Amino acid sequence: MRVVFEVLLLSLSLLASLSAQTQPSAWRAKVPEETAAKTNPLVHEKDSGKAGEKLYKHDCAQCHGEHAEGKTGKKYRPALKSQELKRTSDGQLFWLLTNGSIRNGMPSWSELPDAQRWQIVAYLRKLNK
């Protein structure tokens, strides 16, 4: 009986994990279509990714890890090298940086100029190639 229970529990954990990996994040549903469709205006500036890396290390690495590997445990922070990030548009990333997700521990970075937020988006794209 105990073995059956453990197998059932393992199966449910696996299903929950797969479901979480395939469902879009709740915050993405909040992004207006017009904003989600935006493309990075700095996409053709070759140094925008480098500038974004500096900003990432200064503002983002403390939560998401030096190499964007994320953090687990009590203060979970998602990895930014991920399939989910690859499925997220530039406009959605810019929106998240601008608005944050306080409920999930993500602050708003709206005090950064637009260009700097777009540079961070460029760096995240570079990480996920």
N, C-alpha and C. Protein backbone atom coordinates (compact mmCIF):
# COMPACT_ATOMS: atom_id res chain seq x y z
N MET A 1 0.83 -1.20 0.00
CA MET A 1 0.00 0.00 0.00
C MET A 1 0.87 1.26 0.00
N ARG A 2 1.92 1.24 0.81
CA ARG A 2 2.80 2.40 0.89
C ARG A 2 3.47 2.69 -0.45
N VAL A 3 3.88 1.64 -1.16
CA VAL A 3 4.51 1.79 -2.47
C VAL A 3 3.54 2.43 -3.46
N VAL A 4 2.29 2.01 -3.44
CA VAL A 4 1.26 2.58 -4.32
C VAL A 4 1.09 4.07 -4.02
N PHE A 5 1.05 4.40 -2.73
CA PHE A 5 0.90 5.80 -2.32
C PHE A 5 2.09 6.63 -2.80
N GLU A 6 3.31 6.10 -2.65
CA GLU A 6 4.51 6.83 -3.07
C GLU A 6 4.53 7.02 -4.59
N VAL A 7 4.11 6.01 -5.33
CA VAL A 7 4.05 6.11 -6.80
C VAL A 7 3.02 7.15 -7.20
N LEU A 8 1.87 7.16 -6.53
CA LEU A 8 0.83 8.15 -6.81
C LEU A 8 1.33 9.56 -6.51
N LEU A 9 1.98 9.72 -5.38
CA LEU A 9 2.52 11.02 -5.01
C LEU A 9 3.57 11.50 -6.01
N LEU A 10 4.45 10.61 -6.43
CA LEU A 10 5.47 10.94 -7.42
C LEU A 10 4.82 11.33 -8.75
N SER A 11 3.79 10.61 -9.15
CA SER A 11 3.09 10.92 -10.40
C SER A 11 2.44 12.29 -10.35
N LEU A 12 1.80 12.60 -9.23
CA LEU A 12 1.16 13.92 -9.08
C LEU A 12 2.20 15.03 -9.10
N SER A 13 3.34 14.82 -8.46
CA SER A 13 4.42 15.82 -8.47
C SER A 13 4.94 16.05 -9.88
N LEU A 14 5.11 14.96 -10.62
CA LEU A 14 5.59 15.06 -12.00
C LEU A 14 4.59 15.82 -12.87
N LEU A 15 3.31 15.51 -12.73
CA LEU A 15 2.28 16.22 -13.50
C LEU A 15 2.26 17.70 -13.16
N ALA A 16 2.35 18.03 -11.89
CA ALA A 16 2.37 19.44 -11.49
C ALA A 16 3.58 20.15 -12.07
N SER A 17 4.72 19.49 -12.05
CA SER A 17 5.94 20.08 -12.60
C SER A 17 5.80 20.33 -14.10
N LEU A 18 5.31 19.34 -14.83
CA LEU A 18 5.14 19.49 -16.28
C LEU A 18 4.12 20.57 -16.60
N SER A 19 3.05 20.64 -15.83
CA SER A 19 2.02 21.65 -16.04
C SER A 19 2.60 23.05 -15.83
N ALA A 20 3.38 23.21 -14.78
CA ALA A 20 3.98 24.51 -14.49
C ALA A 20 4.94 24.93 -15.60
N GLN A 21 5.60 23.96 -16.24
CA GLN A 21 6.56 24.28 -17.28
C GLN A 21 5.87 24.64 -18.59
N THR A 22 4.67 24.15 -18.82
CA THR A 22 4.02 24.39 -20.11
C THR A 22 3.01 25.52 -20.07
N GLN A 23 2.55 25.90 -18.89
CA GLN A 23 1.58 26.98 -18.81
C GLN A 23 2.30 28.32 -18.76
N PRO A 24 1.74 29.34 -19.42
CA PRO A 24 2.37 30.65 -19.37
C PRO A 24 2.26 31.26 -17.98
N SER A 25 3.22 32.08 -17.64
CA SER A 25 3.18 32.76 -16.35
C SER A 25 1.97 33.68 -16.30
N ALA A 26 1.41 33.81 -15.11
CA ALA A 26 0.21 34.63 -14.93
C ALA A 26 0.47 36.09 -15.31
N TRP A 27 1.68 36.56 -15.07
CA TRP A 27 1.95 37.97 -15.36
C TRP A 27 1.84 38.27 -16.84
N ARG A 28 2.17 37.30 -17.69
CA ARG A 28 2.11 37.54 -19.14
C ARG A 28 0.69 37.83 -19.60
N ALA A 29 -0.28 37.25 -18.92
CA ALA A 29 -1.69 37.48 -19.28
C ALA A 29 -2.10 38.93 -19.00
N LYS A 30 -1.38 39.62 -18.15
CA LYS A 30 -1.70 41.01 -17.80
C LYS A 30 -1.13 42.01 -18.80
N VAL A 31 -0.22 41.58 -19.65
CA VAL A 31 0.44 42.49 -20.58
C VAL A 31 -0.52 42.83 -21.72
N PRO A 32 -0.80 44.12 -21.94
CA PRO A 32 -1.67 44.49 -23.06
C PRO A 32 -1.07 44.01 -24.39
N GLU A 33 -1.93 43.58 -25.30
CA GLU A 33 -1.47 43.06 -26.60
C GLU A 33 -0.56 44.04 -27.32
N GLU A 34 -0.93 45.31 -27.27
CA GLU A 34 -0.14 46.35 -27.94
C GLU A 34 1.28 46.40 -27.39
N THR A 35 1.41 46.26 -26.09
CA THR A 35 2.73 46.28 -25.45
C THR A 35 3.50 45.00 -25.75
N ALA A 36 2.81 43.87 -25.68
CA ALA A 36 3.45 42.57 -25.95
C ALA A 36 4.02 42.52 -27.36
N ALA A 37 3.40 43.23 -28.30
CA ALA A 37 3.83 43.21 -29.69
C ALA A 37 5.04 44.10 -29.97
N LYS A 38 5.44 44.91 -29.00
CA LYS A 38 6.59 45.81 -29.21
C LYS A 38 7.86 45.01 -29.42
N THR A 39 8.72 45.53 -30.28
CA THR A 39 10.04 44.93 -30.47
C THR A 39 11.08 45.88 -29.88
N ASN A 40 12.20 45.33 -29.54
CA ASN A 40 13.26 46.11 -28.92
C ASN A 40 13.82 47.11 -29.93
N PRO A 41 13.69 48.41 -29.66
CA PRO A 41 14.22 49.40 -30.60
C PRO A 41 15.74 49.41 -30.67
N LEU A 42 16.41 48.74 -29.75
CA LEU A 42 17.87 48.71 -29.73
C LEU A 42 18.42 47.41 -30.31
N VAL A 43 17.57 46.61 -30.93
CA VAL A 43 17.96 45.29 -31.41
C VAL A 43 19.14 45.34 -32.38
N HIS A 44 19.30 46.41 -33.13
CA HIS A 44 20.38 46.50 -34.11
C HIS A 44 21.62 47.21 -33.58
N GLU A 45 21.57 47.66 -32.33
CA GLU A 45 22.74 48.29 -31.72
C GLU A 45 23.59 47.20 -31.07
N LYS A 46 24.76 46.96 -31.63
CA LYS A 46 25.54 45.80 -31.20
C LYS A 46 26.00 45.86 -29.75
N ASP A 47 26.12 47.04 -29.16
CA ASP A 47 26.58 47.15 -27.78
C ASP A 47 25.45 47.15 -26.75
N SER A 48 24.20 47.05 -27.22
CA SER A 48 23.09 47.11 -26.26
C SER A 48 23.10 45.91 -25.31
N GLY A 49 23.49 44.75 -25.80
CA GLY A 49 23.58 43.57 -24.94
C GLY A 49 24.67 43.70 -23.89
N LYS A 50 25.78 44.30 -24.27
CA LYS A 50 26.88 44.52 -23.31
C LYS A 50 26.46 45.50 -22.22
N ALA A 51 25.79 46.55 -22.63
CA ALA A 51 25.30 47.53 -21.65
C ALA A 51 24.25 46.87 -20.75
N GLY A 52 23.41 46.04 -21.34
CA GLY A 52 22.41 45.32 -20.56
C GLY A 52 23.02 44.36 -19.56
N GLU A 53 24.14 43.76 -19.93
CA GLU A 53 24.84 42.84 -19.01
C GLU A 53 25.32 43.60 -17.77
N LYS A 54 25.87 44.78 -17.96
CA LYS A 54 26.31 45.59 -16.82
C LYS A 54 25.13 45.94 -15.91
N LEU A 55 24.03 46.33 -16.53
CA LEU A 55 22.83 46.66 -15.75
C LEU A 55 22.30 45.42 -15.02
N TYR A 56 22.29 44.28 -15.73
CA TYR A 56 21.84 43.03 -15.12
C TYR A 56 22.67 42.72 -13.87
N LYS A 57 23.99 42.79 -14.00
CA LYS A 57 24.86 42.46 -12.88
C LYS A 57 24.64 43.42 -11.71
N HIS A 58 24.33 44.66 -12.00
CA HIS A 58 24.11 45.65 -10.95
C HIS A 58 22.74 45.52 -10.31
N ASP A 59 21.70 45.29 -11.13
CA ASP A 59 20.32 45.36 -10.63
C ASP A 59 19.60 44.01 -10.50
N CYS A 60 19.99 43.02 -11.25
CA CYS A 60 19.20 41.78 -11.33
C CYS A 60 19.88 40.56 -10.72
N ALA A 61 21.20 40.52 -10.79
CA ALA A 61 21.95 39.32 -10.39
C ALA A 61 21.74 38.95 -8.93
N GLN A 62 21.51 39.94 -8.08
CA GLN A 62 21.34 39.62 -6.65
C GLN A 62 20.14 38.71 -6.41
N CYS A 63 19.14 38.78 -7.28
CA CYS A 63 17.97 37.90 -7.14
C CYS A 63 18.02 36.70 -8.10
N HIS A 64 18.39 36.94 -9.34
CA HIS A 64 18.31 35.90 -10.37
C HIS A 64 19.62 35.14 -10.58
N GLY A 65 20.65 35.51 -9.83
CA GLY A 65 21.93 34.82 -9.94
C GLY A 65 22.86 35.47 -10.94
N GLU A 66 24.15 35.35 -10.68
CA GLU A 66 25.17 35.97 -11.52
C GLU A 66 25.08 35.51 -12.97
N HIS A 67 24.70 34.24 -13.17
CA HIS A 67 24.62 33.68 -14.51
C HIS A 67 23.17 33.41 -14.91
N ALA A 68 22.23 34.11 -14.28
CA ALA A 68 20.79 34.00 -14.57
C ALA A 68 20.25 32.61 -14.31
N GLU A 69 20.90 31.89 -13.37
CA GLU A 69 20.49 30.53 -13.07
C GLU A 69 19.29 30.46 -12.13
N GLY A 70 18.89 31.58 -11.56
CA GLY A 70 17.76 31.61 -10.64
C GLY A 70 18.17 31.15 -9.26
N LYS A 71 17.21 31.19 -8.35
CA LYS A 71 17.46 30.77 -6.98
C LYS A 71 16.29 29.91 -6.51
N THR A 72 16.60 28.88 -5.76
CA THR A 72 15.56 28.02 -5.23
C THR A 72 15.44 28.23 -3.73
N GLY A 73 14.49 27.58 -3.14
CA GLY A 73 14.32 27.67 -1.69
C GLY A 73 13.25 28.67 -1.32
N LYS A 74 13.37 29.19 -0.11
CA LYS A 74 12.35 30.09 0.43
C LYS A 74 12.17 31.35 -0.42
N LYS A 75 13.26 31.88 -0.93
CA LYS A 75 13.18 33.08 -1.77
C LYS A 75 13.44 32.70 -3.22
N TYR A 76 12.55 31.86 -3.77
CA TYR A 76 12.67 31.40 -5.15
C TYR A 76 12.65 32.58 -6.12
N ARG A 77 13.54 32.57 -7.07
CA ARG A 77 13.56 33.52 -8.17
C ARG A 77 13.81 32.72 -9.43
N PRO A 78 13.02 32.93 -10.47
CA PRO A 78 13.14 32.08 -11.66
C PRO A 78 14.46 32.31 -12.41
N ALA A 79 14.90 31.24 -13.03
CA ALA A 79 16.06 31.33 -13.91
C ALA A 79 15.67 32.17 -15.12
N LEU A 80 16.58 32.95 -15.62
CA LEU A 80 16.30 33.78 -16.79
C LEU A 80 16.92 33.19 -18.06
N LYS A 81 17.55 32.05 -17.92
CA LYS A 81 17.96 31.23 -19.06
C LYS A 81 16.96 30.10 -19.07
N SER A 82 15.92 30.23 -19.88
CA SER A 82 14.87 29.23 -19.81
C SER A 82 14.03 29.21 -21.09
N GLN A 83 13.32 28.13 -21.25
CA GLN A 83 12.40 28.01 -22.39
C GLN A 83 11.28 29.03 -22.26
N GLU A 84 10.84 29.27 -21.03
CA GLU A 84 9.76 30.24 -20.83
C GLU A 84 10.20 31.63 -21.29
N LEU A 85 11.42 32.00 -20.96
CA LEU A 85 11.90 33.32 -21.38
C LEU A 85 12.00 33.39 -22.90
N LYS A 86 12.37 32.29 -23.53
CA LYS A 86 12.44 32.26 -24.98
C LYS A 86 11.07 32.48 -25.61
N ARG A 87 10.01 32.03 -24.91
CA ARG A 87 8.64 32.19 -25.42
C ARG A 87 8.04 33.56 -25.08
N THR A 88 8.77 34.37 -24.34
CA THR A 88 8.29 35.67 -23.92
C THR A 88 8.77 36.73 -24.90
N SER A 89 7.87 37.61 -25.32
CA SER A 89 8.25 38.63 -26.30
C SER A 89 9.07 39.74 -25.65
N ASP A 90 9.76 40.51 -26.49
CA ASP A 90 10.52 41.66 -25.99
C ASP A 90 9.59 42.62 -25.25
N GLY A 91 8.43 42.86 -25.83
CA GLY A 91 7.47 43.77 -25.21
C GLY A 91 7.00 43.27 -23.84
N GLN A 92 6.80 41.97 -23.71
CA GLN A 92 6.40 41.41 -22.42
C GLN A 92 7.50 41.58 -21.38
N LEU A 93 8.75 41.34 -21.78
CA LEU A 93 9.87 41.52 -20.85
C LEU A 93 10.00 42.98 -20.43
N PHE A 94 9.86 43.88 -21.39
CA PHE A 94 9.94 45.31 -21.09
C PHE A 94 8.84 45.70 -20.11
N TRP A 95 7.63 45.17 -20.34
CA TRP A 95 6.49 45.46 -19.46
C TRP A 95 6.80 44.97 -18.04
N LEU A 96 7.35 43.76 -17.91
CA LEU A 96 7.65 43.21 -16.59
C LEU A 96 8.70 44.05 -15.88
N LEU A 97 9.73 44.47 -16.61
CA LEU A 97 10.75 45.33 -16.00
C LEU A 97 10.14 46.66 -15.55
N THR A 98 9.21 47.16 -16.32
CA THR A 98 8.58 48.44 -16.02
C THR A 98 7.62 48.34 -14.83
N ASN A 99 6.80 47.29 -14.82
CA ASN A 99 5.74 47.17 -13.82
C ASN A 99 6.07 46.28 -12.64
N GLY A 100 7.00 45.37 -12.83
CA GLY A 100 7.32 44.43 -11.78
C GLY A 100 6.18 43.45 -11.54
N SER A 101 6.36 42.63 -10.54
CA SER A 101 5.34 41.68 -10.09
C SER A 101 5.55 41.56 -8.59
N ILE A 102 5.08 42.56 -7.87
CA ILE A 102 5.34 42.66 -6.44
C ILE A 102 4.90 41.39 -5.70
N ARG A 103 3.78 40.82 -6.11
CA ARG A 103 3.28 39.60 -5.48
C ARG A 103 4.31 38.45 -5.55
N ASN A 104 5.10 38.47 -6.62
CA ASN A 104 6.12 37.43 -6.81
C ASN A 104 7.52 37.90 -6.43
N GLY A 105 7.62 39.07 -5.84
CA GLY A 105 8.91 39.56 -5.38
C GLY A 105 9.72 40.31 -6.43
N MET A 106 9.11 40.59 -7.58
CA MET A 106 9.82 41.31 -8.65
C MET A 106 9.49 42.79 -8.55
N PRO A 107 10.50 43.62 -8.24
CA PRO A 107 10.21 45.07 -8.14
C PRO A 107 10.04 45.70 -9.52
N SER A 108 9.45 46.86 -9.52
CA SER A 108 9.36 47.65 -10.74
C SER A 108 10.69 48.36 -10.95
N TRP A 109 11.16 48.35 -12.18
CA TRP A 109 12.38 49.08 -12.53
C TRP A 109 12.05 50.28 -13.40
N SER A 110 10.87 50.86 -13.16
CA SER A 110 10.41 51.99 -13.99
C SER A 110 11.28 53.23 -13.82
N GLU A 111 12.08 53.29 -12.74
CA GLU A 111 12.95 54.46 -12.57
C GLU A 111 14.14 54.42 -13.53
N LEU A 112 14.42 53.24 -14.09
CA LEU A 112 15.46 53.17 -15.11
C LEU A 112 14.92 53.77 -16.41
N PRO A 113 15.72 54.51 -17.13
CA PRO A 113 15.26 55.03 -18.42
C PRO A 113 14.87 53.89 -19.37
N ASP A 114 13.95 54.16 -20.27
CA ASP A 114 13.49 53.16 -21.23
C ASP A 114 14.67 52.45 -21.91
N ALA A 115 15.66 53.22 -22.34
CA ALA A 115 16.80 52.63 -23.06
C ALA A 115 17.50 51.59 -22.21
N GLN A 116 17.64 51.83 -20.93
CA GLN A 116 18.32 50.86 -20.07
C GLN A 116 17.48 49.60 -19.88
N ARG A 117 16.17 49.74 -19.80
CA ARG A 117 15.32 48.55 -19.70
C ARG A 117 15.39 47.74 -20.98
N TRP A 118 15.44 48.42 -22.13
CA TRP A 118 15.58 47.70 -23.40
C TRP A 118 16.95 47.03 -23.49
N GLN A 119 17.99 47.63 -22.91
CA GLN A 119 19.31 47.00 -22.90
C GLN A 119 19.29 45.71 -22.09
N ILE A 120 18.57 45.71 -20.98
CA ILE A 120 18.44 44.48 -20.19
C ILE A 120 17.72 43.41 -21.01
N VAL A 121 16.67 43.81 -21.72
CA VAL A 121 15.96 42.86 -22.60
C VAL A 121 16.94 42.28 -23.63
N ALA A 122 17.78 43.15 -24.21
CA ALA A 122 18.77 42.68 -25.20
C ALA A 122 19.72 41.67 -24.58
N TYR A 123 20.15 41.92 -23.37
CA TYR A 123 21.06 40.99 -22.69
C TYR A 123 20.36 39.65 -22.42
N LEU A 124 19.12 39.70 -21.99
CA LEU A 124 18.38 38.45 -21.73
C LEU A 124 18.22 37.64 -23.00
N ARG A 125 18.01 38.33 -24.13
CA ARG A 125 17.91 37.63 -25.41
C ARG A 125 19.26 36.96 -25.75
N LYS A 126 20.34 37.69 -25.50
CA LYS A 126 21.68 37.17 -25.78
C LYS A 126 21.94 35.92 -24.93
N LEU A 127 21.50 35.92 -23.69
CA LEU A 127 21.66 34.78 -22.80
C LEU A 127 20.91 33.55 -23.30
N ASN A 128 19.81 33.78 -23.96
CA ASN A 128 18.92 32.69 -24.36
C ASN A 128 19.04 32.27 -25.81
N LYS A 129 20.16 32.58 -26.45
CA LYS A 129 20.36 32.15 -27.83
C LYS A 129 20.87 30.73 -27.87
